[in-house]
PDB file of N, CA and C in Angstrom:
ATOM      1  N   MET A   1     -34.736   6.821  21.905  1.00  0.00           N
ATOM      2  CA  MET A   1     -35.136   8.201  22.037  1.00  0.00           C
ATOM      3  C   MET A   1     -33.912   9.056  22.354  1.00  0.00           C
ATOM      4  N   LYS A   2     -33.659  10.039  21.552  1.00  0.00           N
ATOM      5  CA  LYS A   2     -32.496  10.898  21.726  1.00  0.00           C
ATOM      6  C   LYS A   2     -32.812  12.002  22.731  1.00  0.00           C
ATOM      7  N   GLN A   3     -31.908  12.187  23.696  1.00  0.00           N
ATOM      8  CA  GLN A   3     -32.078  13.246  24.692  1.00  0.00           C
ATOM      9  C   GLN A   3     -31.251  14.452  24.292  1.00  0.00           C
ATOM     10  N   HIS A   4     -31.790  15.634  24.531  1.00  0.00           N
ATOM     11  CA  HIS A   4     -31.081  16.870  24.245  1.00  0.00           C
ATOM     12  C   HIS A   4     -30.737  17.540  25.575  1.00  0.00           C
ATOM     13  N   PHE A   5     -29.478  17.818  25.777  1.00  0.00           N
ATOM     14  CA  PHE A   5     -29.027  18.478  26.986  1.00  0.00           C
ATOM     15  C   PHE A   5     -28.536  19.875  26.651  1.00  0.00           C
ATOM     16  N   MET A   6     -28.788  20.810  27.575  1.00  0.00           N
ATOM     17  CA  MET A   6     -28.287  22.178  27.415  1.00  0.00           C
ATOM     18  C   MET A   6     -27.023  22.334  28.241  1.00  0.00           C
ATOM     19  N   SER A   7     -26.153  23.186  27.771  1.00  0.00           N
ATOM     20  CA  SER A   7     -24.955  23.507  28.546  1.00  0.00           C
ATOM     21  C   SER A   7     -25.334  24.436  29.687  1.00  0.00           C
ATOM     22  N   ILE A   8     -24.460  24.561  30.646  1.00  0.00           N
ATOM     23  CA  ILE A   8     -24.673  25.479  31.768  1.00  0.00           C
ATOM     24  C   ILE A   8     -24.859  26.899  31.239  1.00  0.00           C
ATOM     25  N   GLU A   9     -24.072  27.269  30.270  1.00  0.00           N
ATOM     26  CA  GLU A   9     -24.170  28.613  29.688  1.00  0.00           C
ATOM     27  C   GLU A   9     -25.547  28.842  29.066  1.00  0.00           C
ATOM     28  N   GLN A  10     -26.086  27.835  28.400  1.00  0.00           N
ATOM     29  CA  GLN A  10     -27.413  27.961  27.802  1.00  0.00           C
ATOM     30  C   GLN A  10     -28.486  28.109  28.882  1.00  0.00           C
ATOM     31  N   VAL A  11     -28.358  27.349  29.934  1.00  0.00           N
ATOM     32  CA  VAL A  11     -29.317  27.432  31.040  1.00  0.00           C
ATOM     33  C   VAL A  11     -29.237  28.823  31.669  1.00  0.00           C
ATOM     34  N   GLU A  12     -28.015  29.307  31.942  1.00  0.00           N
ATOM     35  CA  GLU A  12     -27.840  30.634  32.523  1.00  0.00           C
ATOM     36  C   GLU A  12     -28.453  31.711  31.629  1.00  0.00           C
ATOM     37  N   HIS A  13     -28.250  31.584  30.328  1.00  0.00           N
ATOM     38  CA  HIS A  13     -28.798  32.560  29.382  1.00  0.00           C
ATOM     39  C   HIS A  13     -30.324  32.577  29.453  1.00  0.00           C
ATOM     40  N   LYS A  14     -30.937  31.407  29.545  1.00  0.00           N
ATOM     41  CA  LYS A  14     -32.400  31.332  29.637  1.00  0.00           C
ATOM     42  C   LYS A  14     -32.882  31.915  30.968  1.00  0.00           C
ATOM     43  N   LEU A  15     -32.173  31.635  32.053  1.00  0.00           N
ATOM     44  CA  LEU A  15     -32.578  32.142  33.361  1.00  0.00           C
ATOM     45  C   LEU A  15     -32.459  33.665  33.444  1.00  0.00           C
ATOM     46  N   GLU A  16     -31.456  34.240  32.774  1.00  0.00           N
ATOM     47  CA  GLU A  16     -31.270  35.690  32.789  1.00  0.00           C
ATOM     48  C   GLU A  16     -32.465  36.428  32.200  1.00  0.00           C
ATOM     49  N   LYS A  17     -33.231  35.763  31.370  1.00  0.00           N
ATOM     50  CA  LYS A  17     -34.370  36.390  30.704  1.00  0.00           C
ATOM     51  C   LYS A  17     -35.637  36.408  31.569  1.00  0.00           C
ATOM     52  N   ILE A  18     -35.629  35.725  32.698  1.00  0.00           N
ATOM     53  CA  ILE A  18     -36.803  35.677  33.564  1.00  0.00           C
ATOM     54  C   ILE A  18     -36.827  36.941  34.423  1.00  0.00           C
ATOM     55  N   PRO A  19     -37.862  37.777  34.281  1.00  0.00           N
ATOM     56  CA  PRO A  19     -37.935  39.036  35.031  1.00  0.00           C
ATOM     57  C   PRO A  19     -37.920  38.809  36.541  1.00  0.00           C
ATOM     58  N   GLY A  20     -37.077  39.547  37.242  1.00  0.00           N
ATOM     59  CA  GLY A  20     -37.028  39.500  38.697  1.00  0.00           C
ATOM     60  C   GLY A  20     -36.241  38.350  39.279  1.00  0.00           C
ATOM     61  N   LEU A  21     -35.754  37.444  38.452  1.00  0.00           N
ATOM     62  CA  LEU A  21     -35.065  36.271  38.983  1.00  0.00           C
ATOM     63  C   LEU A  21     -33.754  36.650  39.667  1.00  0.00           C
ATOM     64  N   SER A  22     -32.989  37.551  39.080  1.00  0.00           N
ATOM     65  CA  SER A  22     -31.696  37.912  39.690  1.00  0.00           C
ATOM     66  C   SER A  22     -31.906  38.554  41.063  1.00  0.00           C
ATOM     67  N   GLU A  23     -32.960  39.359  41.208  1.00  0.00           N
ATOM     68  CA  GLU A  23     -33.258  39.969  42.515  1.00  0.00           C
ATOM     69  C   GLU A  23     -33.661  38.911  43.530  1.00  0.00           C
ATOM     70  N   LEU A  24     -34.446  37.940  43.081  1.00  0.00           N
ATOM     71  CA  LEU A  24     -34.862  36.853  43.957  1.00  0.00           C
ATOM     72  C   LEU A  24     -33.649  36.055  44.426  1.00  0.00           C
ATOM     73  N   ILE A  25     -32.725  35.785  43.527  1.00  0.00           N
ATOM     74  CA  ILE A  25     -31.513  35.046  43.882  1.00  0.00           C
ATOM     75  C   ILE A  25     -30.679  35.844  44.878  1.00  0.00           C
ATOM     76  N   GLU A  26     -30.556  37.161  44.675  1.00  0.00           N
ATOM     77  CA  GLU A  26     -29.809  38.011  45.615  1.00  0.00           C
ATOM     78  C   GLU A  26     -30.455  37.999  46.989  1.00  0.00           C
ATOM     79  N   ASP A  27     -31.797  38.089  47.046  1.00  0.00           N
ATOM     80  CA  ASP A  27     -32.509  38.064  48.324  1.00  0.00           C
ATOM     81  C   ASP A  27     -32.294  36.739  49.047  1.00  0.00           C
ATOM     82  N   GLU A  28     -32.378  35.643  48.315  1.00  0.00           N
ATOM     83  CA  GLU A  28     -32.184  34.325  48.920  1.00  0.00           C
ATOM     84  C   GLU A  28     -30.746  34.160  49.406  1.00  0.00           C
ATOM     85  N   SER A  29     -29.806  34.695  48.647  1.00  0.00           N
ATOM     86  CA  SER A  29     -28.406  34.636  49.046  1.00  0.00           C
ATOM     87  C   SER A  29     -28.192  35.400  50.350  1.00  0.00           C
ATOM     88  N   ALA A  30     -28.805  36.576  50.459  1.00  0.00           N
ATOM     89  CA  ALA A  30     -28.696  37.366  51.687  1.00  0.00           C
ATOM     90  C   ALA A  30     -29.307  36.625  52.868  1.00  0.00           C
ATOM     91  N   ALA A  31     -30.445  35.970  52.646  1.00  0.00           N
ATOM     92  CA  ALA A  31     -31.094  35.204  53.711  1.00  0.00           C
ATOM     93  C   ALA A  31     -30.210  34.053  54.175  1.00  0.00           C
ATOM     94  N   LEU A  32     -29.539  33.404  53.238  1.00  0.00           N
ATOM     95  CA  LEU A  32     -28.646  32.301  53.606  1.00  0.00           C
ATOM     96  C   LEU A  32     -27.416  32.802  54.354  1.00  0.00           C
ATOM     97  N   HIS A  33     -26.909  33.974  53.984  1.00  0.00           N
ATOM     98  CA  HIS A  33     -25.788  34.563  54.723  1.00  0.00           C
ATOM     99  C   HIS A  33     -26.214  34.905  56.148  1.00  0.00           C
ATOM    100  N   ALA A  34     -27.417  35.451  56.303  1.00  0.00           N
ATOM    101  CA  ALA A  34     -27.933  35.761  57.637  1.00  0.00           C
ATOM    102  C   ALA A  34     -28.084  34.476  58.457  1.00  0.00           C
ATOM    103  N   ALA A  35     -28.604  33.430  57.841  1.00  0.00           N
ATOM    104  CA  ALA A  35     -28.771  32.149  58.527  1.00  0.00           C
ATOM    105  C   ALA A  35     -27.430  31.612  59.010  1.00  0.00           C
ATOM    106  N   GLU A  36     -26.436  31.691  58.140  1.00  0.00           N
ATOM    107  CA  GLU A  36     -25.091  31.234  58.501  1.00  0.00           C
ATOM    108  C   GLU A  36     -24.524  32.064  59.653  1.00  0.00           C
ATOM    109  N   PHE A  37     -24.718  33.386  59.581  1.00  0.00           N
ATOM    110  CA  PHE A  37     -24.256  34.283  60.648  1.00  0.00           C
ATOM    111  C   PHE A  37     -24.885  33.901  61.984  1.00  0.00           C
ATOM    112  N   ILE A  38     -26.191  33.685  61.989  1.00  0.00           N
ATOM    113  CA  ILE A  38     -26.908  33.396  63.236  1.00  0.00           C
ATOM    114  C   ILE A  38     -26.418  32.080  63.840  1.00  0.00           C
ATOM    115  N   GLY A  39     -26.359  31.030  63.032  1.00  0.00           N
ATOM    116  CA  GLY A  39     -25.916  29.733  63.550  1.00  0.00           C
ATOM    117  C   GLY A  39     -24.481  29.764  64.049  1.00  0.00           C
ATOM    118  N   HIS A  40     -23.592  30.362  63.265  1.00  0.00           N
ATOM    119  CA  HIS A  40     -22.184  30.431  63.653  1.00  0.00           C
ATOM    120  C   HIS A  40     -22.003  31.255  64.928  1.00  0.00           C
ATOM    121  N   THR A  41     -22.662  32.407  64.985  1.00  0.00           N
ATOM    122  CA  THR A  41     -22.529  33.297  66.135  1.00  0.00           C
ATOM    123  C   THR A  41     -23.061  32.638  67.408  1.00  0.00           C
ATOM    124  N   ARG A  42     -24.216  31.982  67.295  1.00  0.00           N
ATOM    125  CA  ARG A  42     -24.805  31.306  68.456  1.00  0.00           C
ATOM    126  C   ARG A  42     -23.894  30.200  68.969  1.00  0.00           C
ATOM    127  N   LYS A  43     -23.382  29.388  68.055  1.00  0.00           N
ATOM    128  CA  LYS A  43     -22.517  28.274  68.453  1.00  0.00           C
ATOM    129  C   LYS A  43     -21.199  28.774  69.048  1.00  0.00           C
ATOM    130  N   ALA A  44     -20.641  29.837  68.475  1.00  0.00           N
ATOM    131  CA  ALA A  44     -19.390  30.403  68.998  1.00  0.00           C
ATOM    132  C   ALA A  44     -19.582  30.932  70.419  1.00  0.00           C
ATOM    133  N   ALA A  45     -20.798  31.384  70.734  1.00  0.00           N
ATOM    134  CA  ALA A  45     -21.106  31.894  72.071  1.00  0.00           C
ATOM    135  C   ALA A  45     -21.529  30.774  73.020  1.00  0.00           C
ATOM    136  N   HIS A  46     -21.543  29.547  72.520  1.00  0.00           N
ATOM    137  CA  HIS A  46     -21.921  28.368  73.315  1.00  0.00           C
ATOM    138  C   HIS A  46     -23.332  28.507  73.883  1.00  0.00           C
ATOM    139  N   LEU A  47     -24.251  28.972  73.039  1.00  0.00           N
ATOM    140  CA  LEU A  47     -25.645  29.107  73.443  1.00  0.00           C
ATOM    141  C   LEU A  47     -26.499  28.088  72.694  1.00  0.00           C
ATOM    142  N   SER A  48     -27.473  27.540  73.379  1.00  0.00           N
ATOM    143  CA  SER A  48     -28.460  26.692  72.709  1.00  0.00           C
ATOM    144  C   SER A  48     -29.436  27.610  71.975  1.00  0.00           C
ATOM    145  N   GLN A  49     -30.190  27.052  71.063  1.00  0.00           N
ATOM    146  CA  GLN A  49     -31.213  27.842  70.392  1.00  0.00           C
ATOM    147  C   GLN A  49     -32.209  28.394  71.411  1.00  0.00           C
ATOM    148  N   ALA A  50     -32.569  27.588  72.392  1.00  0.00           N
ATOM    149  CA  ALA A  50     -33.535  28.020  73.403  1.00  0.00           C
ATOM    150  C   ALA A  50     -32.993  29.187  74.219  1.00  0.00           C
ATOM    151  N   LYS A  51     -31.719  29.130  74.595  1.00  0.00           N
ATOM    152  CA  LYS A  51     -31.126  30.207  75.402  1.00  0.00           C
ATOM    153  C   LYS A  51     -31.028  31.489  74.586  1.00  0.00           C
ATOM    154  N   LEU A  52     -30.621  31.384  73.314  1.00  0.00           N
ATOM    155  CA  LEU A  52     -30.564  32.576  72.472  1.00  0.00           C
ATOM    156  C   LEU A  52     -31.959  33.153  72.296  1.00  0.00           C
ATOM    157  N   ALA A  53     -32.932  32.306  72.064  1.00  0.00           N
ATOM    158  CA  ALA A  53     -34.315  32.758  71.894  1.00  0.00           C
ATOM    159  C   ALA A  53     -34.785  33.538  73.118  1.00  0.00           C
ATOM    160  N   GLU A  54     -34.477  33.027  74.288  1.00  0.00           N
ATOM    161  CA  GLU A  54     -34.855  33.694  75.535  1.00  0.00           C
ATOM    162  C   GLU A  54     -34.199  35.073  75.627  1.00  0.00           C
ATOM    163  N   LYS A  55     -32.926  35.154  75.259  1.00  0.00           N
ATOM    164  CA  LYS A  55     -32.183  36.419  75.351  1.00  0.00           C
ATOM    165  C   LYS A  55     -32.681  37.478  74.369  1.00  0.00           C
ATOM    166  N   ILE A  56     -33.187  37.057  73.210  1.00  0.00           N
ATOM    167  CA  ILE A  56     -33.586  38.036  72.191  1.00  0.00           C
ATOM    168  C   ILE A  56     -35.103  38.196  72.075  1.00  0.00           C
ATOM    169  N   GLY A  57     -35.845  37.439  72.886  1.00  0.00           N
ATOM    170  CA  GLY A  57     -37.290  37.620  72.939  1.00  0.00           C
ATOM    171  C   GLY A  57     -38.083  37.002  71.800  1.00  0.00           C
ATOM    172  N   VAL A  58     -37.598  35.858  71.292  1.00  0.00           N
ATOM    173  CA  VAL A  58     -38.351  35.119  70.270  1.00  0.00           C
ATOM    174  C   VAL A  58     -38.442  33.664  70.726  1.00  0.00           C
ATOM    175  N   SER A  59     -39.183  32.870  69.993  1.00  0.00           N
ATOM    176  CA  SER A  59     -39.293  31.440  70.326  1.00  0.00           C
ATOM    177  C   SER A  59     -38.083  30.669  69.806  1.00  0.00           C
ATOM    178  N   GLN A  60     -37.849  29.496  70.382  1.00  0.00           N
ATOM    179  CA  GLN A  60     -36.778  28.630  69.912  1.00  0.00           C
ATOM    180  C   GLN A  60     -37.052  28.217  68.481  1.00  0.00           C
ATOM    181  N   ALA A  61     -38.324  28.018  68.142  1.00  0.00           N
ATOM    182  CA  ALA A  61     -38.684  27.642  66.771  1.00  0.00           C
ATOM    183  C   ALA A  61     -38.276  28.740  65.784  1.00  0.00           C
ATOM    184  N   ARG A  62     -38.424  30.008  66.189  1.00  0.00           N
ATOM    185  CA  ARG A  62     -38.035  31.125  65.316  1.00  0.00           C
ATOM    186  C   ARG A  62     -36.528  31.135  65.103  1.00  0.00           C
ATOM    187  N   VAL A  63     -35.748  30.863  66.136  1.00  0.00           N
ATOM    188  CA  VAL A  63     -34.292  30.784  65.992  1.00  0.00           C
ATOM    189  C   VAL A  63     -33.945  29.662  65.020  1.00  0.00           C
ATOM    190  N   SER A  64     -34.586  28.522  65.175  1.00  0.00           N
ATOM    191  CA  SER A  64     -34.348  27.397  64.277  1.00  0.00           C
ATOM    192  C   SER A  64     -34.661  27.782  62.831  1.00  0.00           C
ATOM    193  N   GLN A  65     -35.795  28.448  62.619  1.00  0.00           N
ATOM    194  CA  GLN A  65     -36.164  28.882  61.265  1.00  0.00           C
ATOM    195  C   GLN A  65     -35.132  29.848  60.697  1.00  0.00           C
ATOM    196  N   MET A  66     -34.686  30.791  61.514  1.00  0.00           N
ATOM    197  CA  MET A  66     -33.692  31.766  61.039  1.00  0.00           C
ATOM    198  C   MET A  66     -32.390  31.074  60.653  1.00  0.00           C
ATOM    199  N   GLU A  67     -31.976  30.088  61.451  1.00  0.00           N
ATOM    200  CA  GLU A  67     -30.731  29.379  61.157  1.00  0.00           C
ATOM    201  C   GLU A  67     -30.841  28.516  59.902  1.00  0.00           C
ATOM    202  N   LYS A  68     -32.042  28.108  59.568  1.00  0.00           N
ATOM    203  CA  LYS A  68     -32.265  27.311  58.364  1.00  0.00           C
ATOM    204  C   LYS A  68     -32.565  28.195  57.158  1.00  0.00           C
ATOM    205  N   GLY A  69     -32.743  29.492  57.401  1.00  0.00           N
ATOM    206  CA  GLY A  69     -33.051  30.414  56.310  1.00  0.00           C
ATOM    207  C   GLY A  69     -34.459  30.245  55.793  1.00  0.00           C
ATOM    208  N   ILE A  70     -35.364  29.774  56.664  1.00  0.00           N
ATOM    209  CA  ILE A  70     -36.747  29.597  56.234  1.00  0.00           C
ATOM    210  C   ILE A  70     -37.642  30.582  56.968  1.00  0.00           C
ATOM    211  N   GLY A  71     -38.832  30.689  56.520  1.00  0.00           N
ATOM    212  CA  GLY A  71     -39.783  31.623  57.113  1.00  0.00           C
ATOM    213  C   GLY A  71     -40.129  32.686  56.097  1.00  0.00           C
ATOM    214  N   ARG A  72     -41.243  33.303  56.295  1.00  0.00           N
ATOM    215  CA  ARG A  72     -41.714  34.286  55.324  1.00  0.00           C
ATOM    216  C   ARG A  72     -40.818  35.514  55.265  1.00  0.00           C
ATOM    217  N   TYR A  73     -40.335  35.929  56.415  1.00  0.00           N
ATOM    218  CA  TYR A  73     -39.489  37.123  56.465  1.00  0.00           C
ATOM    219  C   TYR A  73     -38.182  36.776  57.169  1.00  0.00           C
ATOM    220  N   GLY A  74     -37.094  37.293  56.630  1.00  0.00           N
ATOM    221  CA  GLY A  74     -35.805  37.114  57.277  1.00  0.00           C
ATOM    222  C   GLY A  74     -35.695  38.019  58.490  1.00  0.00           C
ATOM    223  N   PRO A  75     -34.656  37.853  59.261  1.00  0.00           N
ATOM    224  CA  PRO A  75     -34.495  38.685  60.454  1.00  0.00           C
ATOM    225  C   PRO A  75     -34.225  40.143  60.078  1.00  0.00           C
ATOM    226  N   SER A  76     -34.788  41.049  60.838  1.00  0.00           N
ATOM    227  CA  SER A  76     -34.549  42.476  60.626  1.00  0.00           C
ATOM    228  C   SER A  76     -33.146  42.828  61.121  1.00  0.00           C
ATOM    229  N   LEU A  77     -32.681  44.009  60.756  1.00  0.00           N
ATOM    230  CA  LEU A  77     -31.375  44.460  61.257  1.00  0.00           C
ATOM    231  C   LEU A  77     -31.398  44.577  62.773  1.00  0.00           C
ATOM    232  N   GLY A  78     -32.528  45.039  63.305  1.00  0.00           N
ATOM    233  CA  GLY A  78     -32.646  45.137  64.763  1.00  0.00           C
ATOM    234  C   GLY A  78     -32.499  43.786  65.438  1.00  0.00           C
ATOM    235  N   LEU A  79     -33.111  42.770  64.854  1.00  0.00           N
ATOM    236  CA  LEU A  79     -33.010  41.421  65.422  1.00  0.00           C
ATOM    237  C   LEU A  79     -31.591  40.892  65.283  1.00  0.00           C
ATOM    238  N   LEU A  80     -30.938  41.150  64.155  1.00  0.00           N
ATOM    239  CA  LEU A  80     -29.543  40.724  63.994  1.00  0.00           C
ATOM    240  C   LEU A  80     -28.647  41.417  65.019  1.00  0.00           C
ATOM    241  N   GLU A  81     -28.930  42.688  65.322  1.00  0.00           N
ATOM    242  CA  GLU A  81     -28.162  43.399  66.354  1.00  0.00           C
ATOM    243  C   GLU A  81     -28.379  42.762  67.719  1.00  0.00           C
ATOM    244  N   ARG A  82     -29.632  42.385  68.034  1.00  0.00           N
ATOM    245  CA  ARG A  82     -29.913  41.733  69.320  1.00  0.00           C
ATOM    246  C   ARG A  82     -29.211  40.382  69.406  1.00  0.00           C
ATOM    247  N   ILE A  83     -29.169  39.654  68.303  1.00  0.00           N
ATOM    248  CA  ILE A  83     -28.477  38.357  68.285  1.00  0.00           C
ATOM    249  C   ILE A  83     -26.987  38.559  68.556  1.00  0.00           C
ATOM    250  N   ALA A  84     -26.389  39.515  67.845  1.00  0.00           N
ATOM    251  CA  ALA A  84     -24.958  39.790  68.040  1.00  0.00           C
ATOM    252  C   ALA A  84     -24.679  40.172  69.488  1.00  0.00           C
ATOM    253  N   SER A  85     -25.510  41.039  70.044  1.00  0.00           N
ATOM    254  CA  SER A  85     -25.329  41.480  71.428  1.00  0.00           C
ATOM    255  C   SER A  85     -25.498  40.324  72.411  1.00  0.00           C
ATOM    256  N   ALA A  86     -26.523  39.500  72.206  1.00  0.00           N
ATOM    257  CA  ALA A  86     -26.772  38.351  73.088  1.00  0.00           C
ATOM    258  C   ALA A  86     -25.618  37.360  73.058  1.00  0.00           C
ATOM    259  N   CYS A  87     -24.891  37.351  71.936  1.00  0.00           N
ATOM    260  CA  CYS A  87     -23.755  36.431  71.790  1.00  0.00           C
ATOM    261  C   CYS A  87     -22.430  37.097  72.178  1.00  0.00           C
ATOM    262  N   GLY A  88     -22.510  38.305  72.740  1.00  0.00           N
ATOM    263  CA  GLY A  88     -21.311  38.971  73.236  1.00  0.00           C
ATOM    264  C   GLY A  88     -20.587  39.813  72.207  1.00  0.00           C
ATOM    265  N   GLY A  89     -21.253  40.200  71.147  1.00  0.00           N
ATOM    266  CA  GLY A  89     -20.597  40.990  70.108  1.00  0.00           C
ATOM    267  C   GLY A  89     -21.458  42.148  69.668  1.00  0.00           C
ATOM    268  N   SER A  90     -21.138  42.668  68.516  1.00  0.00           N
ATOM    269  CA  SER A  90     -21.923  43.748  67.924  1.00  0.00           C
ATOM    270  C   SER A  90     -21.964  43.541  66.417  1.00  0.00           C
ATOM    271  N   LEU A  91     -22.958  44.135  65.801  1.00  0.00           N
ATOM    272  CA  LEU A  91     -23.155  43.995  64.356  1.00  0.00           C
ATOM    273  C   LEU A  91     -22.627  45.232  63.674  1.00  0.00           C
ATOM    274  N   HIS A  92     -21.834  45.034  62.626  1.00  0.00           N
ATOM    275  CA  HIS A  92     -21.311  46.143  61.832  1.00  0.00           C
ATOM    276  C   HIS A  92     -21.623  45.862  60.367  1.00  0.00           C
ATOM    277  N   LEU A  93     -22.204  46.835  59.686  1.00  0.00           N
ATOM    278  CA  LEU A  93     -22.492  46.715  58.271  1.00  0.00           C
ATOM    279  C   LEU A  93     -21.497  47.539  57.490  1.00  0.00           C
ATOM    280  N   THR A  94     -21.124  47.030  56.344  1.00  0.00           N
ATOM    281  CA  THR A  94     -20.181  47.742  55.484  1.00  0.00           C
ATOM    282  C   THR A  94     -20.763  47.802  54.085  1.00  0.00           C
ATOM    283  N   PHE A  95     -20.693  48.980  53.484  1.00  0.00           N
ATOM    284  CA  PHE A  95     -21.094  49.146  52.115  1.00  0.00           C
ATOM    285  C   PHE A  95     -19.837  49.187  51.259  1.00  0.00           C
ATOM    286  N   VAL A  96     -19.781  48.314  50.269  1.00  0.00           N
ATOM    287  CA  VAL A  96     -18.630  48.266  49.364  1.00  0.00           C
ATOM    288  C   VAL A  96     -19.153  48.440  47.953  1.00  0.00           C
ATOM    289  N   LYS A  97     -18.685  49.483  47.281  1.00  0.00           N
ATOM    290  CA  LYS A  97     -19.121  49.711  45.908  1.00  0.00           C
ATOM    291  C   LYS A  97     -18.413  48.720  45.003  1.00  0.00           C
ATOM    292  N   ARG A  98     -19.189  48.094  44.111  1.00  0.00           N
ATOM    293  CA  ARG A  98     -18.617  47.094  43.204  1.00  0.00           C
ATOM    294  C   ARG A  98     -18.007  47.751  42.002  1.00  0.00           C
TER     295      ARG A  98
END
């Protein structure tokens, strides 16, 4: 039985045709960046998930979910600001035109 394989370019071309897929990928990418920010910031501040959760008013399970990038909704900007503050810093957003 002969197998047919597509090149990466062919796969990308097919995926580009799926409505809303690029937006979904951008949203997931943003969620993963937020997850990375939360985990890195917490560890740099030498806080356990439980201690950070206590400081920002959420459960330890919610901190774990945020660090894994799971859950129905990602963290709000307000929650990211509270995380930054609890870890001894502040959150700054930058808009860069592409």
